Each structure stands twice: as structure tokens, then as C-alpha cells.
Amino acid sequence: MVAFARCFSFRLTLWLLGLAFTTAAAAQSFTVTHAKVSLIAEKNSLQAGQITWVGVLFDLEKGWHIYWVNSGDSGERPKIQWQLPPGFQAKEIRWPTPVRLGAGTVIDYGYEGLVLLPVPIQVPADYKAGKPVMLSADIRYLICREVCIPAKTQASLAIPPTSAGSQAEDSELFRSTFENSPKAWPTGWKAQVSDNGGFFLLSLDTGASEPKATFFPLEEEQIDNSAAQSVAPYPRGMVIKLKKSDQLLKPISALKGVVVFGAGRAFEVTAPVSGKK
């Protein structure tokens, strides 16, 4: 109960500080977001019935950060509301691998620096190249340092009416983002969780000893984000000891998240839970 009160108080304090900050800024006729936000495309053209990748690019000032799909102990993930031509459909964000942010009893999951949030856009089967296609989005996000500022912006992107499938100048950003995003759990690898009372023991069999790893939970309030994650390697993998969250009041059937073994080695994992419930 104490942990819940602490977390709620922390979120409320950050939100109120952010509102006070933005209200003061508006009174001075300027808005400070500490980020440049834009829409970019992987390719300079569209193909009927195919997926095209468009991304929201955040260029964050040093020291400022935004959040992952699970923000951790505080914060809120970015939200995108699309305005697309008839027949075009935006799918879910492909979230890049996050990093741990903060210290002490408050740990968040998010991003710093240059961050691309890629989104697959389904092009309608009856699309025919003609005029440039305009894609627009309303983007809401929480950007934080010592305080958090609720921010919003509107961004647009015009894709030329060509059929050559040429790469856009920002294609390298997409390549590097995909390369450093979580991959599907490889066939042949195994993952399972033992419920050990106050801890989850996440066993990962990758076929080789793994000396280090960090687990990012997909769901909120399942593990204690600020607790140390101890790793015990063994010949075919490792066991990660995860302290349960004080807010986890019901048993869970599976622990879902991202395991990061190192640079470029991040994998989505769903591990069934067995043992004490």
C-alpha cells in the first residue's frame, strides 16, 4: 500500500509540475517541448496492397526522455492519432528496445536522444499512383527530465506519386531502428518462469551460456522495476531473478516482455508461469 501511495504521489507530482510549466510557457507565448518531432518514410513511393513504413521521429534535447509501451514507475507512452486517406490503415507501433531510466526507487523504461517509432501503414489494394499521398498524425507524448511536460504536436508527410520503390533519405534510420528492435523469440529456445513466492525465476534456454541480460516487462505492476535483476548463467542459458511488484495482487499465467542480452540481441519473450501462485 505504501508503494502504491508513493508511485501515485510521484506521478501526480510530475503531472502537476508539467501542467504548471506548460501554463507558464503559454503565458509567455511560446511552448517548450525539448524535442523536434516529425514524420518520415522508409521509401519514397507506395505499392498497392503492400505495407509501407512511416515513423514518428523524436529528436530529444540532451537529458530529456520519452517512454516505452510500458513506461515503468511513472510516465506515459506516446500516442498517435492518424489522419489517412480512405483505405489506408495504420497498425501498431513497432517499439524499439528501451533503456532503463532513473535511479533509486523509481525506474522508468524509455528513450533518449534520436528515437524513431516505426508504424506499418497498409496501402489499399486499389491504390493507384497519381497525386502525392498526404499522411498526418496528432502526436501526444510526455517528455521528462526533472519535471514532466505533457506535449502535443501535429505532423504531416507527403509521399510522391511514383512507383519506383526508391529508398528515402531516412531509410538508414529505419534500418538501424529495426536492427536494434526486439526480434521474435527464436525457434528452439525455451523460456519458463517459476513462482518463488516474492520472486519470479525466469529461466532462458538459448543453447549457450548467457553472462548478462536485462528483462523489460510488457505489463505494468508485475515486477518491481527498481529492484536489482540478478543473473545466474548456466551452460545452456541463464536464470534471471525478478522481484515481484507489491501491486501484483493476482496470479499471472505468463510473464511477457523483452529480454536484452546485449547490443542488437533483444528478443520478445512469453514465459509460462508455474509453481506457487
C-alpha atoms as a PDB file:
ATOM      1  CA  MET A   1       0.000   0.000   0.000  1.00  0.00           C
ATOM      2  CA  VAL A   2       2.925   2.304   0.808  1.00  0.00           C
ATOM      3  CA  ALA A   3       4.479   1.584  -2.585  1.00  0.00           C
ATOM      4  CA  PHE A   4       1.194   2.374  -4.313  1.00  0.00           C
ATOM      5  CA  ALA A   5       0.876   5.684  -2.468  1.00  0.00           C
ATOM      6  CA  ARG A   6       4.470   6.571  -3.326  1.00  0.00           C
ATOM      7  CA  CYS A   7       4.043   5.779  -7.019  1.00  0.00           C
ATOM      8  CA  PHE A   8       0.686   7.605  -7.252  1.00  0.00           C
ATOM      9  CA  SER A   9       2.094  10.632  -5.451  1.00  0.00           C
ATOM     10  CA  PHE A  10       5.123  10.677  -7.749  1.00  0.00           C
ATOM     11  CA  ARG A  11       3.016  10.521 -10.930  1.00  0.00           C
ATOM     12  CA  LEU A  12       0.651  13.204  -9.641  1.00  0.00           C
ATOM     13  CA  THR A  13       3.533  15.490  -8.686  1.00  0.00           C
ATOM     14  CA  LEU A  14       5.170  15.135 -12.104  1.00  0.00           C
ATOM     15  CA  TRP A  15       1.864  15.799 -13.868  1.00  0.00           C
ATOM     16  CA  LEU A  16       1.097  18.913 -11.824  1.00  0.00           C
ATOM     17  CA  LEU A  17       4.610  20.240 -12.315  1.00  0.00           C
ATOM     18  CA  GLY A  18       4.294  19.652 -16.041  1.00  0.00           C
ATOM     19  CA  LEU A  19       0.977  21.471 -16.210  1.00  0.00           C
ATOM     20  CA  ALA A  20       2.376  24.405 -14.259  1.00  0.00           C
ATOM     21  CA  PHE A  21       5.373  24.569 -16.563  1.00  0.00           C
ATOM     22  CA  THR A  22       3.369  24.494 -19.783  1.00  0.00           C
ATOM     23  CA  THR A  23       0.861  27.044 -18.445  1.00  0.00           C
ATOM     24  CA  ALA A  24       3.694  29.459 -17.671  1.00  0.00           C
ATOM     25  CA  ALA A  25       5.195  28.896 -21.103  1.00  0.00           C
ATOM     26  CA  ALA A  26       1.870  29.543 -22.824  1.00  0.00           C
ATOM     27  CA  ALA A  27       1.513  32.793 -20.921  1.00  0.00           C
ATOM     28  CA  GLN A  28       4.795  33.914 -22.494  1.00  0.00           C
ATOM     29  CA  SER A  29       3.511  32.955 -25.953  1.00  0.00           C
ATOM     30  CA  PHE A  30       5.851  30.028 -26.567  1.00  0.00           C
ATOM     31  CA  THR A  31       5.782  26.306 -25.999  1.00  0.00           C
ATOM     32  CA  VAL A  32       8.825  24.392 -24.787  1.00  0.00           C
ATOM     33  CA  THR A  33       8.738  20.681 -25.637  1.00  0.00           C
ATOM     34  CA  HIS A  34      12.506  20.000 -25.649  1.00  0.00           C
ATOM     35  CA  ALA A  35      12.051  17.876 -28.768  1.00  0.00           C
ATOM     36  CA  LYS A  36      11.735  18.152 -32.517  1.00  0.00           C
ATOM     37  CA  VAL A  37       9.042  15.805 -33.815  1.00  0.00           C
ATOM     38  CA  SER A  38       8.457  14.849 -37.451  1.00  0.00           C
ATOM     39  CA  LEU A  39       7.039  12.159 -39.727  1.00  0.00           C
ATOM     40  CA  ILE A  40       9.434  10.314 -42.027  1.00  0.00           C
ATOM     41  CA  ALA A  41       9.070   7.430 -44.512  1.00  0.00           C
ATOM     42  CA  GLU A  42      11.274   4.447 -45.277  1.00  0.00           C
ATOM     43  CA  LYS A  43      10.536   4.660 -49.020  1.00  0.00           C
ATOM     44  CA  ASN A  44       9.664   7.415 -51.485  1.00  0.00           C
ATOM     45  CA  SER A  45       6.744   5.552 -53.013  1.00  0.00           C
ATOM     46  CA  LEU A  46       3.745   3.344 -52.317  1.00  0.00           C
ATOM     47  CA  GLN A  47       2.827  -0.097 -53.644  1.00  0.00           C
ATOM     48  CA  ALA A  48      -0.815  -1.151 -53.892  1.00  0.00           C
ATOM     49  CA  GLY A  49      -1.768  -3.749 -51.272  1.00  0.00           C
ATOM     50  CA  GLN A  50       1.624  -3.574 -49.556  1.00  0.00           C
ATOM     51  CA  ILE A  51       2.907  -2.304 -46.214  1.00  0.00           C
ATOM     52  CA  THR A  52       4.835   0.948 -46.157  1.00  0.00           C
ATOM     53  CA  TRP A  53       6.757   2.033 -43.072  1.00  0.00           C
ATOM     54  CA  VAL A  54       6.267   5.519 -41.679  1.00  0.00           C
ATOM     55  CA  GLY A  55       7.794   6.695 -38.428  1.00  0.00           C
ATOM     56  CA  VAL A  56       7.449   9.386 -35.800  1.00  0.00           C
ATOM     57  CA  LEU A  57      10.945  10.764 -35.266  1.00  0.00           C
ATOM     58  CA  PHE A  58      11.782  12.379 -31.921  1.00  0.00           C
ATOM     59  CA  ASP A  59      14.980  14.408 -31.691  1.00  0.00           C
ATOM     60  CA  LEU A  60      15.221  14.940 -27.926  1.00  0.00           C
ATOM     61  CA  GLU A  61      17.339  17.531 -26.189  1.00  0.00           C
ATOM     62  CA  LYS A  62      20.113  16.104 -24.034  1.00  0.00           C
ATOM     63  CA  GLY A  63      18.856  14.917 -20.660  1.00  0.00           C
ATOM     64  CA  TRP A  64      15.214  14.609 -21.752  1.00  0.00           C
ATOM     65  CA  HIS A  65      13.397  11.348 -22.422  1.00  0.00           C
ATOM     66  CA  ILE A  66      10.124   9.810 -23.597  1.00  0.00           C
ATOM     67  CA  TYR A  67       8.613   6.439 -22.728  1.00  0.00           C
ATOM     68  CA  TRP A  68       8.295   2.856 -23.920  1.00  0.00           C
ATOM     69  CA  VAL A  69       4.967   0.980 -24.247  1.00  0.00           C
ATOM     70  CA  ASN A  70       5.347   0.127 -20.526  1.00  0.00           C
ATOM     71  CA  SER A  71       6.629   3.353 -19.015  1.00  0.00           C
ATOM     72  CA  GLY A  72       7.710   1.768 -15.715  1.00  0.00           C
ATOM     73  CA  ASP A  73       7.099   3.501 -12.383  1.00  0.00           C
ATOM     74  CA  SER A  74       5.980   6.807 -13.906  1.00  0.00           C
ATOM     75  CA  GLY A  75       5.336   8.481 -17.231  1.00  0.00           C
ATOM     76  CA  GLU A  76       3.165   7.637 -20.209  1.00  0.00           C
ATOM     77  CA  ARG A  77       3.867   6.216 -23.658  1.00  0.00           C
ATOM     78  CA  PRO A  78       3.452   8.398 -26.792  1.00  0.00           C
ATOM     79  CA  LYS A  79       0.090   8.165 -28.521  1.00  0.00           C
ATOM     80  CA  ILE A  80      -0.566   8.719 -32.225  1.00  0.00           C
ATOM     81  CA  GLN A  81      -3.889   9.566 -33.849  1.00  0.00           C
ATOM     82  CA  TRP A  82      -3.652   9.227 -37.604  1.00  0.00           C
ATOM     83  CA  GLN A  83      -5.447  11.100 -40.387  1.00  0.00           C
ATOM     84  CA  LEU A  84      -5.057   8.965 -43.505  1.00  0.00           C
ATOM     85  CA  PRO A  85      -6.607   8.850 -46.979  1.00  0.00           C
ATOM     86  CA  PRO A  86      -9.555   6.454 -47.448  1.00  0.00           C
ATOM     87  CA  GLY A  87      -8.459   2.813 -47.448  1.00  0.00           C
ATOM     88  CA  PHE A  88      -5.123   3.395 -45.706  1.00  0.00           C
ATOM     89  CA  GLN A  89      -4.754   1.748 -42.288  1.00  0.00           C
ATOM     90  CA  ALA A  90      -2.161   2.406 -39.567  1.00  0.00           C
ATOM     91  CA  LYS A  91      -1.150  -0.581 -37.446  1.00  0.00           C
ATOM     92  CA  GLU A  92       0.588  -0.734 -34.056  1.00  0.00           C
ATOM     93  CA  ILE A  93       3.902   0.962 -33.281  1.00  0.00           C
ATOM     94  CA  ARG A  94       6.898  -1.352 -33.522  1.00  0.00           C
ATOM     95  CA  TRP A  95       8.521  -0.290 -30.271  1.00  0.00           C
ATOM     96  CA  PRO A  96      12.343  -0.145 -30.326  1.00  0.00           C
ATOM     97  CA  THR A  97      14.316  -1.691 -27.480  1.00  0.00           C
ATOM     98  CA  PRO A  98      14.076   0.629 -24.448  1.00  0.00           C
ATOM     99  CA  VAL A  99      16.628   1.550 -21.807  1.00  0.00           C
ATOM    100  CA  ARG A 100      16.271   1.836 -18.039  1.00  0.00           C
ATOM    101  CA  LEU A 101      15.885   5.422 -16.854  1.00  0.00           C
ATOM    102  CA  GLY A 102      16.105   6.952 -13.396  1.00  0.00           C
ATOM    103  CA  ALA A 103      17.656   5.762 -10.159  1.00  0.00           C
ATOM    104  CA  GLY A 104      16.773   4.704  -6.658  1.00  0.00           C
ATOM    105  CA  THR A 105      13.194   3.600  -6.047  1.00  0.00           C
ATOM    106  CA  VAL A 106      11.792   4.974  -9.318  1.00  0.00           C
ATOM    107  CA  ILE A 107      12.836   3.270 -12.562  1.00  0.00           C
ATOM    108  CA  ASP A 108      11.235   4.003 -15.920  1.00  0.00           C
ATOM    109  CA  TYR A 109      11.594   2.481 -19.390  1.00  0.00           C
ATOM    110  CA  GLY A 110      12.042   4.721 -22.394  1.00  0.00           C
ATOM    111  CA  TYR A 111      14.293   6.509 -24.844  1.00  0.00           C
ATOM    112  CA  GLU A 112      16.791   9.350 -25.072  1.00  0.00           C
ATOM    113  CA  GLY A 113      18.455  11.143 -27.984  1.00  0.00           C
ATOM    114  CA  LEU A 114      17.227  10.366 -31.517  1.00  0.00           C
ATOM    115  CA  VAL A 115      14.247   7.983 -31.370  1.00  0.00           C
ATOM    116  CA  LEU A 116      12.217   6.565 -34.248  1.00  0.00           C
ATOM    117  CA  LEU A 117       8.843   4.930 -33.580  1.00  0.00           C
ATOM    118  CA  PRO A 118       8.074   2.976 -36.786  1.00  0.00           C
ATOM    119  CA  VAL A 119       4.468   2.280 -37.789  1.00  0.00           C
ATOM    120  CA  PRO A 120       3.385  -0.043 -40.633  1.00  0.00           C
ATOM    121  CA  ILE A 121       0.786   1.542 -42.906  1.00  0.00           C
ATOM    122  CA  GLN A 122      -1.358  -0.759 -45.040  1.00  0.00           C
ATOM    123  CA  VAL A 123      -1.779   0.624 -48.566  1.00  0.00           C
ATOM    124  CA  PRO A 124      -5.169  -0.277 -50.095  1.00  0.00           C
ATOM    125  CA  ALA A 125      -5.230  -2.900 -52.841  1.00  0.00           C
ATOM    126  CA  ASP A 126      -6.898  -0.480 -55.257  1.00  0.00           C
ATOM    127  CA  TYR A 127      -4.327   2.276 -54.756  1.00  0.00           C
ATOM    128  CA  LYS A 128      -3.138   3.893 -57.991  1.00  0.00           C
ATOM    129  CA  ALA A 129      -0.249   6.298 -58.188  1.00  0.00           C
ATOM    130  CA  GLY A 130      -1.403   9.795 -59.002  1.00  0.00           C
ATOM    131  CA  LYS A 131      -1.201  12.753 -56.704  1.00  0.00           C
ATOM    132  CA  PRO A 132       1.114  12.815 -53.645  1.00  0.00           C
ATOM    133  CA  VAL A 133      -0.398  10.971 -50.689  1.00  0.00           C
ATOM    134  CA  MET A 134      -0.677  13.072 -47.526  1.00  0.00           C
ATOM    135  CA  LEU A 135      -0.307  11.298 -44.182  1.00  0.00           C
ATOM    136  CA  SER A 136      -0.913  13.265 -40.982  1.00  0.00           C
ATOM    137  CA  ALA A 137      -0.819  12.473 -37.285  1.00  0.00           C
ATOM    138  CA  ASP A 138      -1.647  14.111 -33.976  1.00  0.00           C
ATOM    139  CA  ILE A 139       1.079  13.086 -31.548  1.00  0.00           C
ATOM    140  CA  ARG A 140       0.757  13.323 -27.776  1.00  0.00           C
ATOM    141  CA  TYR A 141       3.659  12.489 -25.508  1.00  0.00           C
ATOM    142  CA  LEU A 142       5.109  13.089 -22.072  1.00  0.00           C
ATOM    143  CA  ILE A 143       8.684  14.360 -22.083  1.00  0.00           C
ATOM    144  CA  CYS A 144      10.621  14.353 -18.836  1.00  0.00           C
ATOM    145  CA  ARG A 145      13.802  15.404 -17.084  1.00  0.00           C
ATOM    146  CA  GLU A 146      13.483  16.724 -13.507  1.00  0.00           C
ATOM    147  CA  VAL A 147       9.865  17.555 -14.398  1.00  0.00           C
ATOM    148  CA  CYS A 148       7.488  16.097 -16.955  1.00  0.00           C
ATOM    149  CA  ILE A 149       5.790  18.164 -19.652  1.00  0.00           C
ATOM    150  CA  PRO A 150       2.672  16.928 -21.469  1.00  0.00           C
ATOM    151  CA  ALA A 151       3.200  17.882 -25.112  1.00  0.00           C
ATOM    152  CA  LYS A 152       1.366  17.522 -28.406  1.00  0.00           C
ATOM    153  CA  THR A 153       2.117  18.284 -31.997  1.00  0.00           C
ATOM    154  CA  GLN A 154       0.735  17.704 -35.472  1.00  0.00           C
ATOM    155  CA  ALA A 155       2.976  16.353 -38.222  1.00  0.00           C
ATOM    156  CA  SER A 156       2.408  15.594 -41.909  1.00  0.00           C
ATOM    157  CA  LEU A 157       4.220  13.759 -44.656  1.00  0.00           C
ATOM    158  CA  ALA A 158       3.647  13.808 -48.420  1.00  0.00           C
ATOM    159  CA  ILE A 159       4.716  10.663 -50.296  1.00  0.00           C
ATOM    160  CA  PRO A 160       5.430  11.296 -54.013  1.00  0.00           C
ATOM    161  CA  PRO A 161       3.238   9.691 -56.726  1.00  0.00           C
ATOM    162  CA  THR A 162       5.869   7.304 -58.087  1.00  0.00           C
ATOM    163  CA  SER A 163       6.063   3.537 -58.415  1.00  0.00           C
ATOM    164  CA  ALA A 164       9.819   3.043 -58.406  1.00  0.00           C
ATOM    165  CA  GLY A 165      10.021   1.971 -54.743  1.00  0.00           C
ATOM    166  CA  SER A 166      13.105   4.109 -54.203  1.00  0.00           C
ATOM    167  CA  GLN A 167      14.615   4.472 -50.757  1.00  0.00           C
ATOM    168  CA  ALA A 168      14.015   7.726 -48.909  1.00  0.00           C
ATOM    169  CA  GLU A 169      16.908   9.645 -47.380  1.00  0.00           C
ATOM    170  CA  ASP A 170      15.767   8.463 -43.938  1.00  0.00           C
ATOM    171  CA  SER A 171      15.840   4.757 -44.831  1.00  0.00           C
ATOM    172  CA  GLU A 172      19.028   4.251 -42.799  1.00  0.00           C
ATOM    173  CA  LEU A 173      17.203   5.375 -39.656  1.00  0.00           C
ATOM    174  CA  PHE A 174      14.611   2.660 -40.245  1.00  0.00           C
ATOM    175  CA  ARG A 175      17.301   0.046 -40.888  1.00  0.00           C
ATOM    176  CA  SER A 176      19.187   0.837 -37.686  1.00  0.00           C
ATOM    177  CA  THR A 177      15.945   1.005 -35.664  1.00  0.00           C
ATOM    178  CA  PHE A 178      14.759  -2.389 -36.942  1.00  0.00           C
ATOM    179  CA  GLU A 179      18.209  -3.843 -36.300  1.00  0.00           C
ATOM    180  CA  ASN A 180      18.072  -2.711 -32.680  1.00  0.00           C
ATOM    181  CA  SER A 181      14.420  -3.612 -32.077  1.00  0.00           C
ATOM    182  CA  PRO A 182      13.270  -6.787 -30.298  1.00  0.00           C
ATOM    183  CA  LYS A 183      13.137  -9.869 -32.527  1.00  0.00           C
ATOM    184  CA  ALA A 184      10.765 -12.814 -32.270  1.00  0.00           C
ATOM    185  CA  TRP A 185      11.823 -15.493 -29.798  1.00  0.00           C
ATOM    186  CA  PRO A 186      13.935 -17.974 -31.867  1.00  0.00           C
ATOM    187  CA  THR A 187      12.619 -21.446 -32.609  1.00  0.00           C
ATOM    188  CA  GLY A 188      14.341 -23.943 -30.349  1.00  0.00           C
ATOM    189  CA  TRP A 189      14.860 -21.516 -27.472  1.00  0.00           C
ATOM    190  CA  LYS A 190      12.879 -22.127 -24.295  1.00  0.00           C
ATOM    191  CA  ALA A 191      11.559 -19.803 -21.596  1.00  0.00           C
ATOM    192  CA  GLN A 192       9.699 -20.574 -18.400  1.00  0.00           C
ATOM    193  CA  VAL A 193       9.041 -18.936 -15.044  1.00  0.00           C
ATOM    194  CA  SER A 194       8.975 -20.456 -11.565  1.00  0.00           C
ATOM    195  CA  ASP A 195       6.919 -18.571  -8.993  1.00  0.00           C
ATOM    196  CA  ASN A 196       9.125 -18.494  -5.895  1.00  0.00           C
ATOM    197  CA  GLY A 197       6.903 -16.543  -3.533  1.00  0.00           C
ATOM    198  CA  GLY A 198       8.241 -12.994  -3.616  1.00  0.00           C
ATOM    199  CA  PHE A 199      10.228 -13.569  -6.808  1.00  0.00           C
ATOM    200  CA  PHE A 200       9.877 -14.826 -10.363  1.00  0.00           C
ATOM    201  CA  LEU A 201      12.723 -17.028 -11.605  1.00  0.00           C
ATOM    202  CA  LEU A 202      12.877 -16.556 -15.371  1.00  0.00           C
ATOM    203  CA  SER A 203      14.764 -19.462 -16.971  1.00  0.00           C
ATOM    204  CA  LEU A 204      16.020 -18.897 -20.509  1.00  0.00           C
ATOM    205  CA  ASP A 205      17.459 -21.775 -22.561  1.00  0.00           C
ATOM    206  CA  THR A 206      19.256 -20.322 -25.612  1.00  0.00           C
ATOM    207  CA  GLY A 207      21.647 -23.217 -26.188  1.00  0.00           C
ATOM    208  CA  ALA A 208      24.656 -21.283 -24.838  1.00  0.00           C
ATOM    209  CA  SER A 209      25.676 -19.709 -21.555  1.00  0.00           C
ATOM    210  CA  GLU A 210      24.483 -16.110 -21.283  1.00  0.00           C
ATOM    211  CA  PRO A 211      26.550 -13.926 -18.907  1.00  0.00           C
ATOM    212  CA  LYS A 212      24.248 -10.908 -18.771  1.00  0.00           C
ATOM    213  CA  ALA A 213      20.714  -9.783 -19.563  1.00  0.00           C
ATOM    214  CA  THR A 214      18.037  -7.243 -18.668  1.00  0.00           C
ATOM    215  CA  PHE A 215      14.321  -8.003 -18.633  1.00  0.00           C
ATOM    216  CA  PHE A 216      11.763  -5.319 -19.558  1.00  0.00           C
ATOM    217  CA  PRO A 217       8.201  -6.302 -18.549  1.00  0.00           C
ATOM    218  CA  LEU A 218       5.480  -5.663 -21.099  1.00  0.00           C
ATOM    219  CA  GLU A 219       2.788  -5.329 -18.436  1.00  0.00           C
ATOM    220  CA  GLU A 220       2.793  -2.806 -15.605  1.00  0.00           C
ATOM    221  CA  GLU A 221       2.937  -3.736 -11.897  1.00  0.00           C
ATOM    222  CA  GLN A 222       4.161  -7.315 -12.331  1.00  0.00           C
ATOM    223  CA  ILE A 223       7.782  -6.887 -11.259  1.00  0.00           C
ATOM    224  CA  ASP A 224       9.491  -4.349  -9.016  1.00  0.00           C
ATOM    225  CA  ASN A 225      11.116  -2.126 -11.646  1.00  0.00           C
ATOM    226  CA  SER A 226      13.689  -0.648  -9.244  1.00  0.00           C
ATOM    227  CA  ALA A 227      14.858  -3.982  -7.792  1.00  0.00           C
ATOM    228  CA  ALA A 228      18.155  -5.438  -8.990  1.00  0.00           C
ATOM    229  CA  GLN A 229      17.865  -8.253 -11.532  1.00  0.00           C
ATOM    230  CA  SER A 230      20.365 -10.948 -10.599  1.00  0.00           C
ATOM    231  CA  VAL A 231      21.593 -13.230 -13.388  1.00  0.00           C
ATOM    232  CA  ALA A 232      22.824 -16.792 -12.877  1.00  0.00           C
ATOM    233  CA  PRO A 233      24.373 -18.223 -16.074  1.00  0.00           C
ATOM    234  CA  TYR A 234      24.384 -21.954 -16.780  1.00  0.00           C
ATOM    235  CA  PRO A 235      25.752 -23.941 -19.768  1.00  0.00           C
ATOM    236  CA  ARG A 236      22.606 -23.584 -21.901  1.00  0.00           C
ATOM    237  CA  GLY A 237      21.406 -20.144 -20.827  1.00  0.00           C
ATOM    238  CA  MET A 238      20.610 -18.286 -17.624  1.00  0.00           C
ATOM    239  CA  VAL A 239      18.143 -17.652 -14.820  1.00  0.00           C
ATOM    240  CA  ILE A 240      17.053 -14.076 -14.050  1.00  0.00           C
ATOM    241  CA  LYS A 241      15.702 -13.414 -10.560  1.00  0.00           C
ATOM    242  CA  LEU A 242      12.926 -10.793 -10.658  1.00  0.00           C
ATOM    243  CA  LYS A 243      11.342  -9.339  -7.542  1.00  0.00           C
ATOM    244  CA  LYS A 244       7.559  -9.202  -7.712  1.00  0.00           C
ATOM    245  CA  SER A 245       5.764  -5.874  -7.602  1.00  0.00           C
ATOM    246  CA  ASP A 246       3.887  -5.035  -4.397  1.00  0.00           C
ATOM    247  CA  GLN A 247       0.959  -4.178  -6.707  1.00  0.00           C
ATOM    248  CA  LEU A 248       0.733  -7.684  -8.182  1.00  0.00           C
ATOM    249  CA  LEU A 249      -2.381  -8.914  -6.374  1.00  0.00           C
ATOM    250  CA  LYS A 250      -3.476 -11.741  -8.687  1.00  0.00           C
ATOM    251  CA  PRO A 251      -1.607 -14.727 -10.154  1.00  0.00           C
ATOM    252  CA  ILE A 252      -0.430 -14.452 -13.748  1.00  0.00           C
ATOM    253  CA  SER A 253      -0.278 -17.288 -16.258  1.00  0.00           C
ATOM    254  CA  ALA A 254       2.639 -15.881 -18.254  1.00  0.00           C
ATOM    255  CA  LEU A 255       5.336 -13.250 -17.948  1.00  0.00           C
ATOM    256  CA  LYS A 256       5.664 -11.198 -21.128  1.00  0.00           C
ATOM    257  CA  GLY A 257       8.381  -8.741 -22.047  1.00  0.00           C
ATOM    258  CA  VAL A 258      11.686  -8.136 -23.770  1.00  0.00           C
ATOM    259  CA  VAL A 259      14.997  -9.731 -22.829  1.00  0.00           C
ATOM    260  CA  VAL A 260      18.122  -7.838 -23.846  1.00  0.00           C
ATOM    261  CA  PHE A 261      21.338  -9.878 -23.880  1.00  0.00           C
ATOM    262  CA  GLY A 262      23.419  -7.107 -25.428  1.00  0.00           C
ATOM    263  CA  ALA A 263      23.576  -4.692 -28.365  1.00  0.00           C
ATOM    264  CA  GLY A 264      21.395  -5.976 -31.208  1.00  0.00           C
ATOM    265  CA  ARG A 265      20.314  -9.013 -29.132  1.00  0.00           C
ATOM    266  CA  ALA A 266      16.850  -8.156 -27.854  1.00  0.00           C
ATOM    267  CA  PHE A 267      14.021 -10.697 -28.036  1.00  0.00           C
ATOM    268  CA  GLU A 268      10.316 -10.737 -27.263  1.00  0.00           C
ATOM    269  CA  VAL A 269       9.517 -13.449 -24.735  1.00  0.00           C
ATOM    270  CA  THR A 270       6.369 -15.010 -23.313  1.00  0.00           C
ATOM    271  CA  ALA A 271       7.209 -17.393 -20.480  1.00  0.00           C
ATOM    272  CA  PRO A 272       4.536 -19.567 -18.822  1.00  0.00           C
ATOM    273  CA  VAL A 273       4.462 -19.352 -15.029  1.00  0.00           C
ATOM    274  CA  SER A 274       4.467 -22.480 -12.878  1.00  0.00           C
ATOM    275  CA  GLY A 275       4.802 -23.158  -9.179  1.00  0.00           C
ATOM    276  CA  LYS A 276       3.408 -21.208  -6.255  1.00  0.00           C
ATOM    277  CA  LYS A 277       0.543 -18.868  -7.165  1.00  0.00           C
END
